[in-house]
Amino acid sequence: MNCQTDVKSFAENPLDLFHSGQVVKICAPMVRYSKLAFRTLVRKYGCDLCYTPMIIAADFVKSVKARDSEFTTNQGDQPLIVQFAAKEAQVLADAASLVCPFASGIDLNCGCPQRWAMAAGYGACLVNQPELVSDIVRQVRNQINKPSFSVSVKIRIHSDITRTVDLCRKAEAAGVSWITVHGRTHEERNNPVHYDAIKTIKESLSIPVVANGDIKSLREAENIHQITGADGVMAARGLLANPAMFAGHEETPLACIQDWVNVALELGTPFTCFHHHLMYMLERITSKQEKRLFNVLSSTSAVLDYLSEHYGL
């Protein structure tokens, strides 16, 4: 793990954000994308809380190589939630113990709908095992002797919302800090988000609830907060397309693109990741012809030349 340890902010309780009276703006866990450089960028533009990409807890516990490649943080990267895929309570508790000195909390992924994850017993299949989810939360709580360390879960809903409410109440009783609800079932992909379901869950619990699904602007985030009563809003693709979204920008400003270049180069971001993020950011502000030119660039120097020539960056 590439971490700086002597950092006061690592001790901050992320629950304080939810008690501030303001809706908490959150960067979702995104495979390949929500890594340190991108988290650094969105924090500059109004993001209150960031998640790592999902990490397989069993691999993380077993392998130093996995820890070094999957988890990187620094002093400014707080508050930070490390998301894990796990299906055994002790394994997640051990993974939580490893990241506890460097992060604000851990999150159990109960929402990933990908076939490989569900076939392995991870992700969205856990929403059908409320007792297991409760046991996992309880085990982490018992093993981590740090009251400010949060233990959260991210779920998808059932078609029968009473089952989801039951799951959430059991997790609440086990000591979960908050629950993030993606308002679709695991079978649904591009269907409309069921914000009414998130509202029902929020009204059924005493702990904070975060709304997730199709949030692509600050205005939408505020509307969904009003509709659901959720304490926080979590965005994924909306932030990829516009990392300055939570600061109120309707499309990625050039200053944000320049910030991404600076942050990515400073932190040694691999070219493919560096380039892909820029492809997302430029999507709304470039023509089809410009996209064709930009998307086939194959080196950092070529990208920098393009940005200089077309945008004066």
Protein backbone atom coordinates (compact mmCIF):
# COMPACT_ATOMS: atom_id res chain seq x y z
CA MET A 1 0.00 0.00 0.00
CA ASN A 2 1.28 3.40 -0.95
CA CYS A 3 0.15 5.55 1.96
CA GLN A 4 1.25 8.45 4.12
CA THR A 5 0.57 7.58 7.74
CA ASP A 6 1.15 10.61 9.95
CA VAL A 7 -2.02 12.42 8.94
CA LYS A 8 -4.45 13.97 11.41
CA SER A 9 -7.36 13.94 8.98
CA PHE A 10 -7.29 10.13 8.81
CA ALA A 11 -8.95 10.21 12.23
CA GLU A 12 -11.88 12.34 11.07
CA ASN A 13 -15.29 10.70 11.31
CA PRO A 14 -17.04 10.75 7.91
CA LEU A 15 -20.37 10.61 9.74
CA ASP A 16 -19.73 14.24 10.72
CA LEU A 17 -20.43 15.12 7.07
CA PHE A 18 -23.93 13.67 7.33
CA HIS A 19 -24.59 15.58 10.54
CA SER A 20 -23.59 18.92 8.98
CA GLY A 21 -27.10 19.64 7.71
CA GLN A 22 -25.85 19.83 4.09
CA VAL A 23 -26.42 17.14 1.49
CA VAL A 24 -23.17 15.14 1.20
CA LYS A 25 -21.75 14.99 -2.34
CA ILE A 26 -20.00 11.69 -3.03
CA CYS A 27 -17.81 10.19 -5.77
CA ALA A 28 -18.87 6.59 -6.38
CA PRO A 29 -16.61 3.54 -6.46
CA MET A 30 -15.78 3.04 -10.16
CA VAL A 31 -13.64 0.22 -11.52
CA ARG A 32 -10.43 1.66 -13.04
CA TYR A 33 -11.59 5.25 -12.61
CA SER A 34 -12.09 6.39 -9.00
CA LYS A 35 -8.39 6.11 -8.17
CA LEU A 36 -6.24 8.62 -6.30
CA ALA A 37 -5.69 11.07 -9.20
CA PHE A 38 -9.40 11.33 -10.05
CA ARG A 39 -10.38 11.57 -6.38
CA THR A 40 -7.87 14.42 -6.03
CA LEU A 41 -9.51 16.20 -8.96
CA VAL A 42 -13.16 15.91 -7.85
CA ARG A 43 -12.27 17.02 -4.32
CA LYS A 44 -11.14 20.33 -5.87
CA TYR A 45 -14.64 20.74 -7.29
CA GLY A 46 -17.02 20.23 -4.39
CA CYS A 47 -16.88 16.49 -3.75
CA ASP A 48 -17.13 15.85 0.01
CA LEU A 49 -16.42 12.11 0.19
CA CYS A 50 -14.72 9.67 -2.19
CA TYR A 51 -14.71 5.90 -2.56
CA THR A 52 -11.96 3.72 -3.99
CA PRO A 53 -12.81 1.29 -6.79
CA MET A 54 -14.11 -2.06 -5.52
CA ILE A 55 -11.31 -4.27 -4.20
CA ILE A 56 -11.62 -8.05 -3.69
CA ALA A 57 -11.08 -8.37 0.08
CA ALA A 58 -9.72 -11.94 -0.04
CA ASP A 59 -6.99 -11.00 -2.54
CA PHE A 60 -6.19 -7.83 -0.60
CA VAL A 61 -5.67 -9.77 2.64
CA LYS A 62 -3.58 -12.52 1.03
CA SER A 63 -1.35 -10.56 -1.32
CA VAL A 64 1.07 -7.70 -0.70
CA LYS A 65 1.15 -7.21 -4.48
CA ALA A 66 -2.63 -6.74 -4.52
CA ARG A 67 -2.42 -4.22 -1.68
CA ASP A 68 0.29 -2.23 -3.45
CA SER A 69 -1.56 -2.12 -6.77
CA GLU A 70 -5.11 -1.62 -5.48
CA PHE A 71 -4.79 0.93 -2.70
CA THR A 72 -2.96 4.25 -2.94
CA THR A 73 -3.71 7.35 -0.92
CA ASN A 74 -2.08 10.52 0.40
CA GLN A 75 -2.61 13.29 2.92
CA GLY A 76 -5.16 15.22 0.86
CA ASP A 77 -7.22 12.14 0.02
CA GLN A 78 -9.64 12.38 2.94
CA PRO A 79 -12.25 11.49 3.97
CA LEU A 80 -11.83 8.23 2.06
CA ILE A 81 -13.96 5.08 1.98
CA VAL A 82 -12.34 1.84 0.76
CA GLN A 83 -14.91 -0.36 -0.93
CA PHE A 84 -14.51 -4.13 -0.74
CA ALA A 85 -16.19 -7.11 -2.33
CA ALA A 86 -16.47 -9.78 0.36
CA LYS A 87 -18.65 -12.74 1.34
CA GLU A 88 -16.94 -13.79 4.59
CA ALA A 89 -17.09 -11.70 7.74
CA GLN A 90 -13.57 -12.44 8.95
CA VAL A 91 -12.00 -11.70 5.58
CA LEU A 92 -13.61 -8.25 5.42
CA ALA A 93 -12.69 -7.55 9.04
CA ASP A 94 -9.05 -8.40 8.26
CA ALA A 95 -9.09 -6.17 5.16
CA ALA A 96 -10.62 -3.36 7.21
CA SER A 97 -7.85 -3.73 9.79
CA LEU A 98 -5.23 -3.27 7.05
CA VAL A 99 -6.71 -0.02 5.72
CA CYS A 100 -7.91 1.38 9.06
CA PRO A 101 -4.78 3.51 9.67
CA PHE A 102 -5.10 5.13 6.23
CA ALA A 103 -8.84 5.55 5.56
CA SER A 104 -12.00 6.88 7.15
CA GLY A 105 -14.01 3.72 6.67
CA ILE A 106 -14.85 0.69 4.54
CA ASP A 107 -17.87 -0.14 2.42
CA LEU A 108 -19.27 -3.58 1.60
CA ASN A 109 -20.34 -3.87 -2.04
CA CYS A 110 -23.83 -5.39 -2.19
CA GLY A 111 -24.71 -3.80 -5.50
CA CYS A 112 -22.37 -4.93 -8.30
CA PRO A 113 -24.61 -6.65 -10.89
CA GLN A 114 -21.83 -8.12 -13.05
CA ARG A 115 -22.15 -11.84 -13.64
CA TRP A 116 -18.64 -12.73 -12.50
CA ALA A 117 -19.19 -10.97 -9.16
CA MET A 118 -22.55 -12.60 -8.49
CA ALA A 119 -21.25 -16.02 -9.58
CA ALA A 120 -18.45 -15.66 -7.03
CA GLY A 121 -20.91 -14.74 -4.27
CA TYR A 122 -20.07 -11.03 -4.30
CA GLY A 123 -21.99 -7.86 -5.08
CA ALA A 124 -25.72 -7.74 -5.66
CA CYS A 125 -26.37 -11.36 -4.66
CA LEU A 126 -25.70 -10.29 -1.04
CA VAL A 127 -28.96 -8.33 -0.94
CA ASN A 128 -30.67 -11.73 -0.73
CA GLN A 129 -28.62 -12.67 2.35
CA PRO A 130 -29.52 -10.10 5.03
CA GLU A 131 -28.23 -12.28 7.88
CA LEU A 132 -24.82 -12.61 6.21
CA VAL A 133 -24.62 -8.86 5.56
CA SER A 134 -25.48 -8.21 9.22
CA ASP A 135 -22.85 -10.72 10.40
CA ILE A 136 -20.21 -9.09 8.21
CA VAL A 137 -21.01 -5.60 9.51
CA ARG A 138 -21.01 -6.84 13.11
CA GLN A 139 -17.67 -8.64 12.71
CA VAL A 140 -15.95 -5.55 11.30
CA ARG A 141 -17.42 -3.44 14.11
CA ASN A 142 -16.14 -5.93 16.72
CA GLN A 143 -12.63 -6.11 15.24
CA ILE A 144 -11.95 -2.40 14.56
CA ASN A 145 -11.35 -0.58 17.82
CA LYS A 146 -11.77 2.92 16.38
CA PRO A 147 -15.16 4.57 16.96
CA SER A 148 -14.73 7.09 14.13
CA PHE A 149 -14.13 4.35 11.53
CA SER A 150 -17.26 3.91 9.42
CA VAL A 151 -18.71 0.65 8.12
CA SER A 152 -21.20 1.23 5.30
CA VAL A 153 -22.92 -0.88 2.64
CA LYS A 154 -23.94 -0.09 -0.95
CA ILE A 155 -26.95 -1.98 -2.22
CA ARG A 156 -29.39 -2.37 -5.08
CA ILE A 157 -33.09 -2.72 -4.41
CA HIS A 158 -35.41 -5.73 -4.68
CA SER A 159 -38.52 -5.60 -6.84
CA ASP A 160 -40.35 -6.09 -3.53
CA ILE A 161 -39.20 -3.04 -1.55
CA THR A 162 -40.24 -4.61 1.78
CA ARG A 163 -37.34 -7.07 1.35
CA THR A 164 -34.92 -4.16 0.89
CA VAL A 165 -36.27 -2.38 3.96
CA ASP A 166 -35.81 -5.61 5.96
CA LEU A 167 -32.19 -5.91 4.77
CA CYS A 168 -31.47 -2.28 5.68
CA ARG A 169 -33.05 -2.55 9.13
CA LYS A 170 -30.99 -5.65 9.91
CA ALA A 171 -27.81 -3.91 8.77
CA GLU A 172 -28.75 -0.88 10.89
CA ALA A 173 -29.23 -3.11 13.94
CA ALA A 174 -25.79 -4.65 13.29
CA GLY A 175 -24.16 -1.20 13.48
CA VAL A 176 -23.83 -0.05 9.87
CA SER A 177 -22.92 3.66 9.62
CA TRP A 178 -24.97 4.49 6.51
CA ILE A 179 -26.46 2.78 3.48
CA THR A 180 -26.08 3.83 -0.16
CA VAL A 181 -29.01 2.78 -2.33
CA HIS A 182 -28.73 2.41 -6.09
CA GLY A 183 -32.39 2.64 -7.04
CA ARG A 184 -32.45 -0.26 -9.50
CA THR A 185 -32.67 -4.04 -9.15
CA HIS A 186 -29.66 -6.09 -10.23
CA GLU A 187 -31.47 -6.99 -13.48
CA GLU A 188 -32.10 -3.36 -14.41
CA ARG A 189 -29.48 -1.43 -16.37
CA ASN A 190 -30.84 1.61 -18.21
CA ASN A 191 -34.29 1.55 -16.63
CA PRO A 192 -35.45 4.67 -14.78
CA VAL A 193 -34.16 4.87 -11.19
CA HIS A 194 -36.78 4.10 -8.54
CA TYR A 195 -36.34 7.20 -6.39
CA ASP A 196 -39.58 6.35 -4.59
CA ALA A 197 -37.90 3.19 -3.30
CA ILE A 198 -34.98 5.23 -1.94
CA LYS A 199 -37.49 7.53 -0.23
CA THR A 200 -39.21 4.51 1.39
CA ILE A 201 -35.89 3.19 2.66
CA LYS A 202 -34.90 6.60 4.05
CA GLU A 203 -38.21 6.87 5.90
CA SER A 204 -37.70 3.40 7.40
CA LEU A 205 -34.27 4.01 8.95
CA SER A 206 -32.61 6.24 11.55
CA ILE A 207 -29.14 6.16 9.96
CA PRO A 208 -28.08 8.27 6.94
CA VAL A 209 -29.09 7.09 3.46
CA VAL A 210 -27.30 8.04 0.23
CA ALA A 211 -29.15 8.14 -3.11
CA ASN A 212 -27.35 6.74 -6.16
CA GLY A 213 -28.33 6.44 -9.81
CA ASP A 214 -28.35 8.75 -12.86
CA ILE A 215 -27.16 11.93 -11.13
CA LYS A 216 -25.58 14.01 -13.88
CA SER A 217 -25.71 17.60 -12.60
CA LEU A 218 -25.82 19.56 -9.38
CA ARG A 219 -29.42 20.49 -10.14
CA GLU A 220 -30.36 16.81 -10.48
CA ALA A 221 -28.51 16.04 -7.24
CA GLU A 222 -30.51 18.69 -5.41
CA ASN A 223 -33.80 17.49 -6.93
CA ILE A 224 -33.11 13.88 -5.95
CA HIS A 225 -32.20 15.01 -2.44
CA GLN A 226 -35.59 16.74 -2.25
CA ILE A 227 -37.52 13.79 -3.72
CA THR A 228 -35.92 11.09 -1.55
CA GLY A 229 -34.98 12.95 1.62
CA ALA A 230 -31.56 11.27 1.31
CA ASP A 231 -28.67 12.62 3.38
CA GLY A 232 -26.20 12.30 0.53
CA VAL A 233 -26.03 11.89 -3.25
CA MET A 234 -23.51 9.67 -5.06
CA ALA A 235 -22.53 10.12 -8.71
CA ALA A 236 -20.49 7.93 -11.03
CA ARG A 237 -20.82 8.53 -14.79
CA GLY A 238 -21.97 12.10 -14.20
CA LEU A 239 -18.63 12.87 -12.52
CA LEU A 240 -16.65 11.05 -15.22
CA ALA A 241 -18.23 13.30 -17.86
CA ASN A 242 -17.92 16.41 -15.70
CA PRO A 243 -15.66 16.23 -12.63
CA ALA A 244 -16.73 19.79 -11.77
CA MET A 245 -20.41 18.81 -11.63
CA PHE A 246 -20.76 19.21 -7.87
CA ALA A 247 -19.35 22.74 -8.14
CA GLY A 248 -22.32 23.66 -10.36
CA HIS A 249 -20.70 23.50 -13.80
CA GLU A 250 -22.95 22.15 -16.57
CA GLU A 251 -19.98 20.84 -18.57
CA THR A 252 -16.30 20.32 -17.80
CA PRO A 253 -14.58 23.74 -17.63
CA LEU A 254 -11.17 24.13 -19.24
CA ALA A 255 -9.67 24.88 -15.82
CA CYS A 256 -10.78 21.42 -14.67
CA ILE A 257 -9.17 19.79 -17.71
CA GLN A 258 -5.94 21.63 -16.91
CA ASP A 259 -6.20 20.51 -13.28
CA TRP A 260 -6.61 16.90 -14.44
CA VAL A 261 -3.48 17.14 -16.58
CA ASN A 262 -1.50 18.57 -13.66
CA VAL A 263 -2.76 16.05 -11.11
CA ALA A 264 -2.41 13.04 -13.41
CA LEU A 265 1.15 13.91 -14.41
CA GLU A 266 2.15 14.70 -10.84
CA LEU A 267 0.86 11.34 -9.57
CA GLY A 268 2.21 9.29 -12.47
CA THR A 269 -1.15 8.16 -13.87
CA PRO A 270 -0.82 5.46 -16.58
CA PHE A 271 -1.47 6.83 -20.07
CA THR A 272 -4.59 4.75 -20.78
CA CYS A 273 -6.30 6.04 -17.63
CA PHE A 274 -5.09 9.62 -18.26
CA HIS A 275 -6.44 9.51 -21.82
CA HIS A 276 -9.76 7.81 -20.99
CA HIS A 277 -10.63 10.42 -18.38
CA LEU A 278 -10.00 13.18 -20.91
CA MET A 279 -12.19 11.38 -23.46
CA TYR A 280 -15.04 11.46 -20.95
CA MET A 281 -14.41 15.10 -20.00
CA LEU A 282 -14.27 16.30 -23.62
CA GLU A 283 -17.36 14.32 -24.72
CA ARG A 284 -19.81 17.22 -24.42
CA ILE A 285 -17.55 19.94 -25.75
CA THR A 286 -16.02 18.40 -28.89
CA SER A 287 -17.36 17.60 -32.36
CA LYS A 288 -17.46 14.07 -33.80
CA GLN A 289 -14.44 14.84 -35.96
CA GLU A 290 -12.48 16.18 -32.97
CA LYS A 291 -13.40 13.06 -30.98
CA ARG A 292 -12.12 10.81 -33.74
CA LEU A 293 -8.81 12.66 -33.73
CA PHE A 294 -8.44 12.81 -29.96
CA ASN A 295 -9.52 9.26 -29.15
CA VAL A 296 -6.79 7.63 -31.25
CA LEU A 297 -3.91 9.61 -29.72
CA SER A 298 -1.38 7.18 -28.26
CA SER A 299 1.04 9.15 -26.09
CA THR A 300 1.00 11.74 -23.34
CA SER A 301 2.98 14.18 -25.49
CA ALA A 302 0.43 13.84 -28.32
CA VAL A 303 -2.42 14.55 -25.88
CA LEU A 304 -0.64 17.58 -24.45
CA ASP A 305 0.03 18.92 -27.94
CA TYR A 306 -3.63 18.45 -28.87
CA LEU A 307 -4.87 20.27 -25.76
CA SER A 308 -2.42 23.09 -26.36
CA GLU A 309 -3.40 23.47 -30.02
CA HIS A 310 -7.19 23.22 -29.56
CA TYR A 311 -7.75 24.74 -26.11
CA GLY A 312 -4.63 26.74 -25.32
CA LEU A 313 -3.87 24.54 -22.31
